[in-house]
Amino acid sequence: MSKVVTVRTTGYPSTDELKAVIRRVQEWDWRGNVVVPARIEFAATKGNIGHFPIGDVLFDRASADALQATLEKVDAIIYSTPREEVPRVELRKVRVFKK
């Protein structure tokens, strides 16, 4: 099963912010390759932002300003495998939970 990351935000993230979120949730395997979730879901406090398949977002390094803006806007990053087991948490700052 592929890992799904749910990102709960307080607004609509920009492209740079999406890149910053992806940079934050990526992992490294034992061979040094970058491993990222199969899908990232963005859920806003008012309505749904949408689902972003991993291939639709570029993985270049986000700027410090974009990352800071993301940290201010994102409530929580939640790891889940499978999708049905997404826990519901509300955080003030970004925290990454790894299984």
N, C-alpha and C. Protein backbone atom coordinates (compact mmCIF):
# COMPACT_ATOMS: atom_id res chain seq x y z
N MET A 1 0.84 -1.19 0.00
CA MET A 1 0.00 0.00 0.00
C MET A 1 0.88 1.25 0.00
N SER A 2 0.45 2.25 -0.71
CA SER A 2 1.23 3.47 -0.79
C SER A 2 0.88 4.40 0.37
N LYS A 3 1.87 5.14 0.77
CA LYS A 3 1.67 6.07 1.87
C LYS A 3 0.95 7.32 1.37
N VAL A 4 0.05 7.83 2.19
CA VAL A 4 -0.67 9.05 1.88
C VAL A 4 -0.36 10.07 2.97
N VAL A 5 -0.06 11.27 2.57
CA VAL A 5 0.18 12.35 3.52
C VAL A 5 -0.97 13.34 3.43
N THR A 6 -1.60 13.63 4.54
CA THR A 6 -2.66 14.63 4.59
C THR A 6 -2.10 15.90 5.22
N VAL A 7 -2.25 17.01 4.53
CA VAL A 7 -1.80 18.30 5.03
C VAL A 7 -3.03 19.16 5.26
N ARG A 8 -3.23 19.54 6.52
CA ARG A 8 -4.36 20.40 6.87
C ARG A 8 -3.85 21.84 6.91
N THR A 9 -4.45 22.71 6.12
CA THR A 9 -3.99 24.09 6.04
C THR A 9 -5.07 25.06 6.45
N THR A 10 -4.65 26.29 6.72
CA THR A 10 -5.60 27.35 7.06
C THR A 10 -5.92 28.21 5.85
N GLY A 11 -5.38 27.89 4.69
CA GLY A 11 -5.64 28.67 3.48
C GLY A 11 -5.20 27.88 2.27
N TYR A 12 -5.18 28.55 1.14
CA TYR A 12 -4.79 27.89 -0.10
C TYR A 12 -3.30 28.08 -0.34
N PRO A 13 -2.52 26.99 -0.33
CA PRO A 13 -1.06 27.13 -0.46
C PRO A 13 -0.66 27.45 -1.90
N SER A 14 0.43 28.19 -2.02
CA SER A 14 0.97 28.51 -3.34
C SER A 14 1.82 27.34 -3.84
N THR A 15 2.27 27.43 -5.07
CA THR A 15 3.11 26.37 -5.64
C THR A 15 4.40 26.21 -4.84
N ASP A 16 5.01 27.33 -4.45
CA ASP A 16 6.23 27.25 -3.65
C ASP A 16 5.97 26.58 -2.31
N GLU A 17 4.82 26.84 -1.73
CA GLU A 17 4.48 26.22 -0.46
C GLU A 17 4.25 24.72 -0.62
N LEU A 18 3.66 24.32 -1.73
CA LEU A 18 3.48 22.89 -1.99
C LEU A 18 4.84 22.20 -2.10
N LYS A 19 5.77 22.84 -2.80
CA LYS A 19 7.11 22.28 -2.93
C LYS A 19 7.78 22.16 -1.56
N ALA A 20 7.58 23.18 -0.72
CA ALA A 20 8.19 23.15 0.60
C ALA A 20 7.62 22.02 1.45
N VAL A 21 6.32 21.79 1.34
CA VAL A 21 5.70 20.70 2.08
C VAL A 21 6.28 19.36 1.62
N ILE A 22 6.40 19.20 0.30
CA ILE A 22 6.93 17.94 -0.22
C ILE A 22 8.38 17.73 0.22
N ARG A 23 9.17 18.80 0.19
CA ARG A 23 10.55 18.68 0.67
C ARG A 23 10.58 18.23 2.13
N ARG A 24 9.60 18.67 2.90
CA ARG A 24 9.59 18.34 4.33
C ARG A 24 9.17 16.90 4.59
N VAL A 25 8.30 16.35 3.77
CA VAL A 25 7.80 15.01 4.04
C VAL A 25 8.59 13.91 3.34
N GLN A 26 9.52 14.27 2.46
CA GLN A 26 10.28 13.23 1.78
C GLN A 26 11.22 12.53 2.74
N GLU A 27 11.57 11.30 2.42
CA GLU A 27 12.44 10.50 3.25
C GLU A 27 13.57 9.95 2.38
N TRP A 28 14.54 9.30 3.04
CA TRP A 28 15.64 8.68 2.33
C TRP A 28 15.62 7.19 2.63
N ASP A 29 15.79 6.38 1.60
CA ASP A 29 15.88 4.94 1.85
C ASP A 29 17.32 4.57 2.17
N TRP A 30 17.57 3.30 2.42
CA TRP A 30 18.90 2.88 2.87
C TRP A 30 19.96 3.02 1.78
N ARG A 31 19.55 3.19 0.52
CA ARG A 31 20.49 3.40 -0.56
C ARG A 31 20.74 4.88 -0.85
N GLY A 32 20.11 5.74 -0.12
CA GLY A 32 20.30 7.17 -0.33
C GLY A 32 19.36 7.78 -1.35
N ASN A 33 18.37 7.02 -1.80
CA ASN A 33 17.39 7.54 -2.75
C ASN A 33 16.28 8.27 -2.01
N VAL A 34 15.74 9.29 -2.65
CA VAL A 34 14.64 10.04 -2.06
C VAL A 34 13.36 9.24 -2.20
N VAL A 35 12.64 9.07 -1.10
CA VAL A 35 11.36 8.37 -1.09
C VAL A 35 10.29 9.37 -0.66
N VAL A 36 9.26 9.49 -1.48
CA VAL A 36 8.18 10.42 -1.16
C VAL A 36 6.86 9.67 -1.13
N PRO A 37 5.84 10.22 -0.47
CA PRO A 37 4.53 9.56 -0.45
C PRO A 37 3.94 9.48 -1.85
N ALA A 38 3.06 8.54 -2.04
CA ALA A 38 2.43 8.37 -3.36
C ALA A 38 1.46 9.51 -3.65
N ARG A 39 0.84 10.05 -2.64
CA ARG A 39 -0.12 11.14 -2.85
C ARG A 39 -0.10 12.06 -1.65
N ILE A 40 -0.28 13.33 -1.90
CA ILE A 40 -0.39 14.32 -0.84
C ILE A 40 -1.76 14.96 -0.93
N GLU A 41 -2.48 14.96 0.16
CA GLU A 41 -3.81 15.56 0.20
C GLU A 41 -3.76 16.85 0.99
N PHE A 42 -4.39 17.88 0.46
CA PHE A 42 -4.48 19.14 1.15
C PHE A 42 -5.92 19.40 1.54
N ALA A 43 -6.17 19.58 2.82
CA ALA A 43 -7.51 19.84 3.31
C ALA A 43 -7.52 21.18 4.04
N ALA A 44 -8.27 22.12 3.54
CA ALA A 44 -8.34 23.46 4.15
C ALA A 44 -9.38 23.47 5.26
N THR A 45 -9.30 24.49 6.12
CA THR A 45 -10.28 24.62 7.18
C THR A 45 -11.65 24.98 6.60
N LYS A 46 -11.67 25.63 5.43
CA LYS A 46 -12.92 25.96 4.74
C LYS A 46 -12.90 25.28 3.38
N GLY A 47 -13.50 24.12 3.29
CA GLY A 47 -13.54 23.41 2.03
C GLY A 47 -12.29 22.59 1.76
N ASN A 48 -12.27 21.94 0.64
CA ASN A 48 -11.17 21.05 0.29
C ASN A 48 -10.32 21.68 -0.80
N ILE A 49 -9.03 21.70 -0.60
CA ILE A 49 -8.12 22.23 -1.62
C ILE A 49 -7.97 21.23 -2.75
N GLY A 50 -7.82 19.97 -2.42
CA GLY A 50 -7.71 18.97 -3.47
C GLY A 50 -6.60 17.98 -3.21
N HIS A 51 -6.45 17.04 -4.13
CA HIS A 51 -5.45 15.98 -4.01
C HIS A 51 -4.38 16.20 -5.07
N PHE A 52 -3.13 16.08 -4.69
CA PHE A 52 -2.02 16.31 -5.59
C PHE A 52 -1.20 15.02 -5.73
N PRO A 53 -1.34 14.33 -6.86
CA PRO A 53 -0.46 13.18 -7.08
C PRO A 53 0.99 13.65 -7.08
N ILE A 54 1.88 12.78 -6.62
CA ILE A 54 3.26 13.18 -6.42
C ILE A 54 3.93 13.63 -7.72
N GLY A 55 3.52 13.08 -8.84
CA GLY A 55 4.16 13.43 -10.10
C GLY A 55 3.79 14.80 -10.62
N ASP A 56 2.79 15.44 -10.02
CA ASP A 56 2.33 16.73 -10.52
C ASP A 56 3.07 17.91 -9.92
N VAL A 57 3.96 17.66 -8.98
CA VAL A 57 4.65 18.75 -8.31
C VAL A 57 6.15 18.57 -8.49
N LEU A 58 6.84 19.65 -8.80
CA LEU A 58 8.29 19.60 -8.98
C LEU A 58 8.99 19.50 -7.63
N PHE A 59 10.19 18.92 -7.64
CA PHE A 59 10.89 18.66 -6.38
C PHE A 59 12.14 19.50 -6.20
N ASP A 60 12.20 20.66 -6.87
CA ASP A 60 13.38 21.48 -6.65
C ASP A 60 13.33 22.09 -5.26
N ARG A 61 14.48 22.51 -4.79
CA ARG A 61 14.59 22.98 -3.40
C ARG A 61 13.78 24.28 -3.22
N ALA A 62 12.95 24.29 -2.20
CA ALA A 62 12.14 25.47 -1.93
C ALA A 62 12.98 26.52 -1.23
N SER A 63 12.64 27.76 -1.44
CA SER A 63 13.37 28.84 -0.80
C SER A 63 13.02 28.91 0.69
N ALA A 64 13.87 29.57 1.44
CA ALA A 64 13.63 29.71 2.88
C ALA A 64 12.34 30.48 3.14
N ASP A 65 12.06 31.48 2.31
CA ASP A 65 10.83 32.26 2.49
C ASP A 65 9.60 31.40 2.25
N ALA A 66 9.66 30.55 1.21
CA ALA A 66 8.52 29.69 0.92
C ALA A 66 8.31 28.68 2.04
N LEU A 67 9.40 28.14 2.57
CA LEU A 67 9.28 27.18 3.66
C LEU A 67 8.70 27.84 4.90
N GLN A 68 9.15 29.05 5.21
CA GLN A 68 8.63 29.76 6.37
C GLN A 68 7.14 30.04 6.20
N ALA A 69 6.73 30.44 5.00
CA ALA A 69 5.32 30.69 4.75
C ALA A 69 4.51 29.41 4.92
N THR A 70 5.08 28.28 4.53
CA THR A 70 4.39 27.01 4.69
C THR A 70 4.24 26.66 6.16
N LEU A 71 5.29 26.85 6.93
CA LEU A 71 5.23 26.54 8.36
C LEU A 71 4.17 27.39 9.05
N GLU A 72 3.98 28.61 8.58
CA GLU A 72 2.98 29.47 9.19
C GLU A 72 1.56 29.08 8.77
N LYS A 73 1.42 28.49 7.59
CA LYS A 73 0.08 28.22 7.06
C LYS A 73 -0.40 26.81 7.36
N VAL A 74 0.52 25.86 7.45
CA VAL A 74 0.12 24.46 7.61
C VAL A 74 -0.15 24.15 9.07
N ASP A 75 -1.28 23.53 9.34
CA ASP A 75 -1.63 23.14 10.71
C ASP A 75 -0.98 21.82 11.08
N ALA A 76 -1.01 20.86 10.19
CA ALA A 76 -0.49 19.54 10.53
C ALA A 76 -0.15 18.75 9.27
N ILE A 77 0.87 17.97 9.37
CA ILE A 77 1.18 16.99 8.33
C ILE A 77 1.01 15.62 8.96
N ILE A 78 0.18 14.81 8.34
CA ILE A 78 -0.19 13.53 8.94
C ILE A 78 0.19 12.40 7.99
N TYR A 79 1.00 11.48 8.47
CA TYR A 79 1.32 10.29 7.69
C TYR A 79 0.26 9.23 7.92
N SER A 80 -0.08 8.51 6.89
CA SER A 80 -1.06 7.44 7.05
C SER A 80 -0.85 6.35 6.02
N THR A 81 -0.92 5.11 6.48
CA THR A 81 -0.91 3.95 5.60
C THR A 81 -1.82 2.90 6.22
N PRO A 82 -2.92 2.55 5.61
CA PRO A 82 -3.49 3.11 4.38
C PRO A 82 -4.27 4.39 4.64
N ARG A 83 -4.98 4.87 3.61
CA ARG A 83 -5.65 6.16 3.69
C ARG A 83 -6.75 6.19 4.75
N GLU A 84 -7.43 5.08 4.96
CA GLU A 84 -8.55 5.07 5.90
C GLU A 84 -8.12 5.30 7.34
N GLU A 85 -6.83 5.15 7.62
CA GLU A 85 -6.36 5.27 8.99
C GLU A 85 -5.82 6.65 9.33
N VAL A 86 -6.20 7.67 8.56
CA VAL A 86 -5.70 9.02 8.82
C VAL A 86 -6.23 9.50 10.16
N PRO A 87 -5.34 9.77 11.12
CA PRO A 87 -5.81 10.29 12.40
C PRO A 87 -6.21 11.76 12.27
N ARG A 88 -7.07 12.21 13.15
CA ARG A 88 -7.49 13.60 13.14
C ARG A 88 -6.78 14.33 14.27
N VAL A 89 -5.88 15.22 13.91
CA VAL A 89 -5.18 16.01 14.91
C VAL A 89 -5.15 17.46 14.46
N GLU A 90 -5.09 18.35 15.41
CA GLU A 90 -4.96 19.77 15.11
C GLU A 90 -3.73 20.28 15.85
N LEU A 91 -2.79 20.85 15.11
CA LEU A 91 -1.57 21.36 15.70
C LEU A 91 -1.36 22.81 15.28
N ARG A 92 -0.69 23.56 16.12
CA ARG A 92 -0.43 24.96 15.78
C ARG A 92 0.79 25.08 14.87
N LYS A 93 1.78 24.24 15.06
CA LYS A 93 2.97 24.27 14.21
C LYS A 93 3.09 22.96 13.47
N VAL A 94 3.88 22.96 12.44
CA VAL A 94 4.04 21.75 11.63
C VAL A 94 4.79 20.70 12.42
N ARG A 95 4.22 19.51 12.48
CA ARG A 95 4.88 18.37 13.08
C ARG A 95 4.76 17.24 12.09
N VAL A 96 5.78 16.46 11.96
CA VAL A 96 5.76 15.33 11.03
C VAL A 96 5.76 14.05 11.84
N PHE A 97 4.74 13.23 11.62
CA PHE A 97 4.61 11.96 12.32
C PHE A 97 5.04 10.85 11.37
N LYS A 98 5.99 10.05 11.79
CA LYS A 98 6.45 8.95 10.96
C LYS A 98 6.10 7.64 11.63
N LYS A 99 5.67 6.68 10.79
CA LYS A 99 5.35 5.36 11.31
C LYS A 99 6.55 4.46 11.16
